Amino acid sequence: IETNKQDKREIHVFEGETGRPVKSYPDHPEFPYCVGSTKDGSKIFSGSGNWNLRIWKTDTGEVVGTLRHLSAIKAAILSPDEKTIYLGGGDH
């Protein structure tokens, strides 16, 4: 998963073994700082400078949830049981 397109606010997913592009998620509201996915790949999540974490269905690209943080979200990790997303940001 790639987020470092400086001129675009989108997320790109690549096939792990070949590096072949698989899907893009355009129109992210702000530059995404971090991304992650569920173990089965059915959902990805992205955190950005607008204090929101978005949860996307990978097959449709539909946003199925948004979580609000106290500041820009610069790190996010899913717990092993996939019930909790831990966020790190610029708050004190």
C-alpha atoms as a PDB file:
ATOM      1  CA  ILE A   1       0.000   0.000   0.000  1.00  0.00           C
ATOM      2  CA  GLU A   2       1.409   3.371  -0.980  1.00  0.00           C
ATOM      3  CA  THR A   3       0.378   6.861   0.069  1.00  0.00           C
ATOM      4  CA  ASN A   4       3.328   9.046  -0.932  1.00  0.00           C
ATOM      5  CA  LYS A   5       2.035  10.717  -4.057  1.00  0.00           C
ATOM      6  CA  GLN A   6       2.843  14.363  -3.383  1.00  0.00           C
ATOM      7  CA  ASP A   7       0.509  15.758  -6.013  1.00  0.00           C
ATOM      8  CA  LYS A   8      -2.480  13.513  -5.272  1.00  0.00           C
ATOM      9  CA  ARG A   9      -4.450  12.547  -2.193  1.00  0.00           C
ATOM     10  CA  GLU A  10      -5.011   8.893  -2.899  1.00  0.00           C
ATOM     11  CA  ILE A  11      -4.044   5.415  -1.772  1.00  0.00           C
ATOM     12  CA  HIS A  12      -2.566   2.779  -4.090  1.00  0.00           C
ATOM     13  CA  VAL A  13      -2.546  -0.968  -3.431  1.00  0.00           C
ATOM     14  CA  PHE A  14      -0.014  -3.256  -5.107  1.00  0.00           C
ATOM     15  CA  GLU A  15       0.243  -7.042  -5.396  1.00  0.00           C
ATOM     16  CA  GLY A  16       2.942  -8.116  -2.941  1.00  0.00           C
ATOM     17  CA  GLU A  17       4.952 -10.556  -5.057  1.00  0.00           C
ATOM     18  CA  THR A  18       4.875  -8.837  -8.443  1.00  0.00           C
ATOM     19  CA  GLY A  19       4.415  -5.167  -7.514  1.00  0.00           C
ATOM     20  CA  ARG A  20       1.526  -4.987  -9.986  1.00  0.00           C
ATOM     21  CA  PRO A  21      -0.976  -2.196  -9.222  1.00  0.00           C
ATOM     22  CA  VAL A  22      -4.236  -3.664  -7.928  1.00  0.00           C
ATOM     23  CA  LYS A  23      -6.487  -0.760  -6.958  1.00  0.00           C
ATOM     24  CA  SER A  24      -6.508   2.956  -6.162  1.00  0.00           C
ATOM     25  CA  TYR A  25      -8.649   4.856  -3.696  1.00  0.00           C
ATOM     26  CA  PRO A  26      -8.804   8.442  -4.992  1.00  0.00           C
ATOM     27  CA  ASP A  27     -10.178  11.629  -3.494  1.00  0.00           C
ATOM     28  CA  HIS A  28      -8.823  11.215   0.012  1.00  0.00           C
ATOM     29  CA  PRO A  29      -9.884  14.401   1.865  1.00  0.00           C
ATOM     30  CA  GLU A  30      -6.295  15.153   2.878  1.00  0.00           C
ATOM     31  CA  PHE A  31      -2.876  13.585   2.328  1.00  0.00           C
ATOM     32  CA  PRO A  32      -2.927  10.156   4.033  1.00  0.00           C
ATOM     33  CA  TYR A  33      -0.073   9.711   6.523  1.00  0.00           C
ATOM     34  CA  CYS A  34      -0.629   6.034   7.264  1.00  0.00           C
ATOM     35  CA  VAL A  35      -2.511   2.999   6.001  1.00  0.00           C
ATOM     36  CA  GLY A  36      -3.164  -0.546   7.155  1.00  0.00           C
ATOM     37  CA  SER A  37      -5.385  -3.489   6.403  1.00  0.00           C
ATOM     38  CA  THR A  38      -7.251  -6.378   7.955  1.00  0.00           C
ATOM     39  CA  LYS A  39      -5.589  -9.804   7.804  1.00  0.00           C
ATOM     40  CA  ASP A  40      -7.947 -11.016   5.105  1.00  0.00           C
ATOM     41  CA  GLY A  41      -7.562  -7.817   3.083  1.00  0.00           C
ATOM     42  CA  SER A  42     -11.287  -7.074   3.076  1.00  0.00           C
ATOM     43  CA  LYS A  43     -10.781  -3.591   4.556  1.00  0.00           C
ATOM     44  CA  ILE A  44      -8.062  -0.979   4.638  1.00  0.00           C
ATOM     45  CA  PHE A  45      -7.828   2.062   6.881  1.00  0.00           C
ATOM     46  CA  SER A  46      -6.086   5.381   6.383  1.00  0.00           C
ATOM     47  CA  GLY A  47      -5.209   8.196   8.752  1.00  0.00           C
ATOM     48  CA  SER A  48      -4.578  11.759   7.669  1.00  0.00           C
ATOM     49  CA  GLY A  49      -3.970  15.337   8.710  1.00  0.00           C
ATOM     50  CA  ASN A  50      -7.680  16.133   8.936  1.00  0.00           C
ATOM     51  CA  TRP A  51      -7.840  14.150  12.230  1.00  0.00           C
ATOM     52  CA  ASN A  52      -9.934  11.378  10.672  1.00  0.00           C
ATOM     53  CA  LEU A  53      -9.298   7.693  10.155  1.00  0.00           C
ATOM     54  CA  ARG A  54     -11.246   6.267   7.223  1.00  0.00           C
ATOM     55  CA  ILE A  55     -12.150   2.589   6.874  1.00  0.00           C
ATOM     56  CA  TRP A  56     -12.636   1.356   3.302  1.00  0.00           C
ATOM     57  CA  LYS A  57     -14.044  -1.866   1.815  1.00  0.00           C
ATOM     58  CA  THR A  58     -11.320  -3.023  -0.543  1.00  0.00           C
ATOM     59  CA  ASP A  59     -13.604  -4.641  -3.101  1.00  0.00           C
ATOM     60  CA  THR A  60     -15.848  -1.606  -3.658  1.00  0.00           C
ATOM     61  CA  GLY A  61     -13.765   1.347  -2.405  1.00  0.00           C
ATOM     62  CA  GLU A  62     -16.714   2.379  -0.245  1.00  0.00           C
ATOM     63  CA  VAL A  63     -15.933   4.245   2.991  1.00  0.00           C
ATOM     64  CA  VAL A  64     -17.656   2.194   5.706  1.00  0.00           C
ATOM     65  CA  GLY A  65     -16.493   4.108   8.761  1.00  0.00           C
ATOM     66  CA  THR A  66     -14.758   7.225  10.005  1.00  0.00           C
ATOM     67  CA  LEU A  67     -13.121   7.720  13.397  1.00  0.00           C
ATOM     68  CA  ARG A  68     -12.142  11.130  14.768  1.00  0.00           C
ATOM     69  CA  HIS A  69      -8.860  11.679  16.662  1.00  0.00           C
ATOM     70  CA  LEU A  70      -7.515  14.644  18.672  1.00  0.00           C
ATOM     71  CA  SER A  71      -5.015  15.661  15.976  1.00  0.00           C
ATOM     72  CA  ALA A  72      -3.455  14.536  12.712  1.00  0.00           C
ATOM     73  CA  ILE A  73      -3.231  10.742  12.554  1.00  0.00           C
ATOM     74  CA  LYS A  74       0.337   9.759  11.745  1.00  0.00           C
ATOM     75  CA  ALA A  75       0.255   6.086  12.755  1.00  0.00           C
ATOM     76  CA  ALA A  76      -2.430   3.420  12.986  1.00  0.00           C
ATOM     77  CA  ILE A  77      -2.219  -0.276  13.747  1.00  0.00           C
ATOM     78  CA  LEU A  78      -4.888  -2.938  14.043  1.00  0.00           C
ATOM     79  CA  SER A  79      -4.867  -5.202  17.108  1.00  0.00           C
ATOM     80  CA  PRO A  80      -4.262  -8.941  16.519  1.00  0.00           C
ATOM     81  CA  ASP A  81      -7.942  -9.732  17.197  1.00  0.00           C
ATOM     82  CA  GLU A  82      -8.930  -6.903  14.787  1.00  0.00           C
ATOM     83  CA  LYS A  83     -11.302  -5.327  17.318  1.00  0.00           C
ATOM     84  CA  THR A  84      -9.230  -2.212  18.092  1.00  0.00           C
ATOM     85  CA  ILE A  85      -7.326   0.311  15.986  1.00  0.00           C
ATOM     86  CA  TYR A  86      -4.553   2.108  17.859  1.00  0.00           C
ATOM     87  CA  LEU A  87      -3.816   5.640  16.643  1.00  0.00           C
ATOM     88  CA  GLY A  88      -0.804   7.904  17.056  1.00  0.00           C
ATOM     89  CA  GLY A  89      -0.890  11.575  16.260  1.00  0.00           C
ATOM     90  CA  GLY A  90       0.550  14.977  16.886  1.00  0.00           C
ATOM     91  CA  ASP A  91      -1.341  15.640  20.121  1.00  0.00           C
ATOM     92  CA  HIS A  92       0.523  15.933  23.404  1.00  0.00           C
END
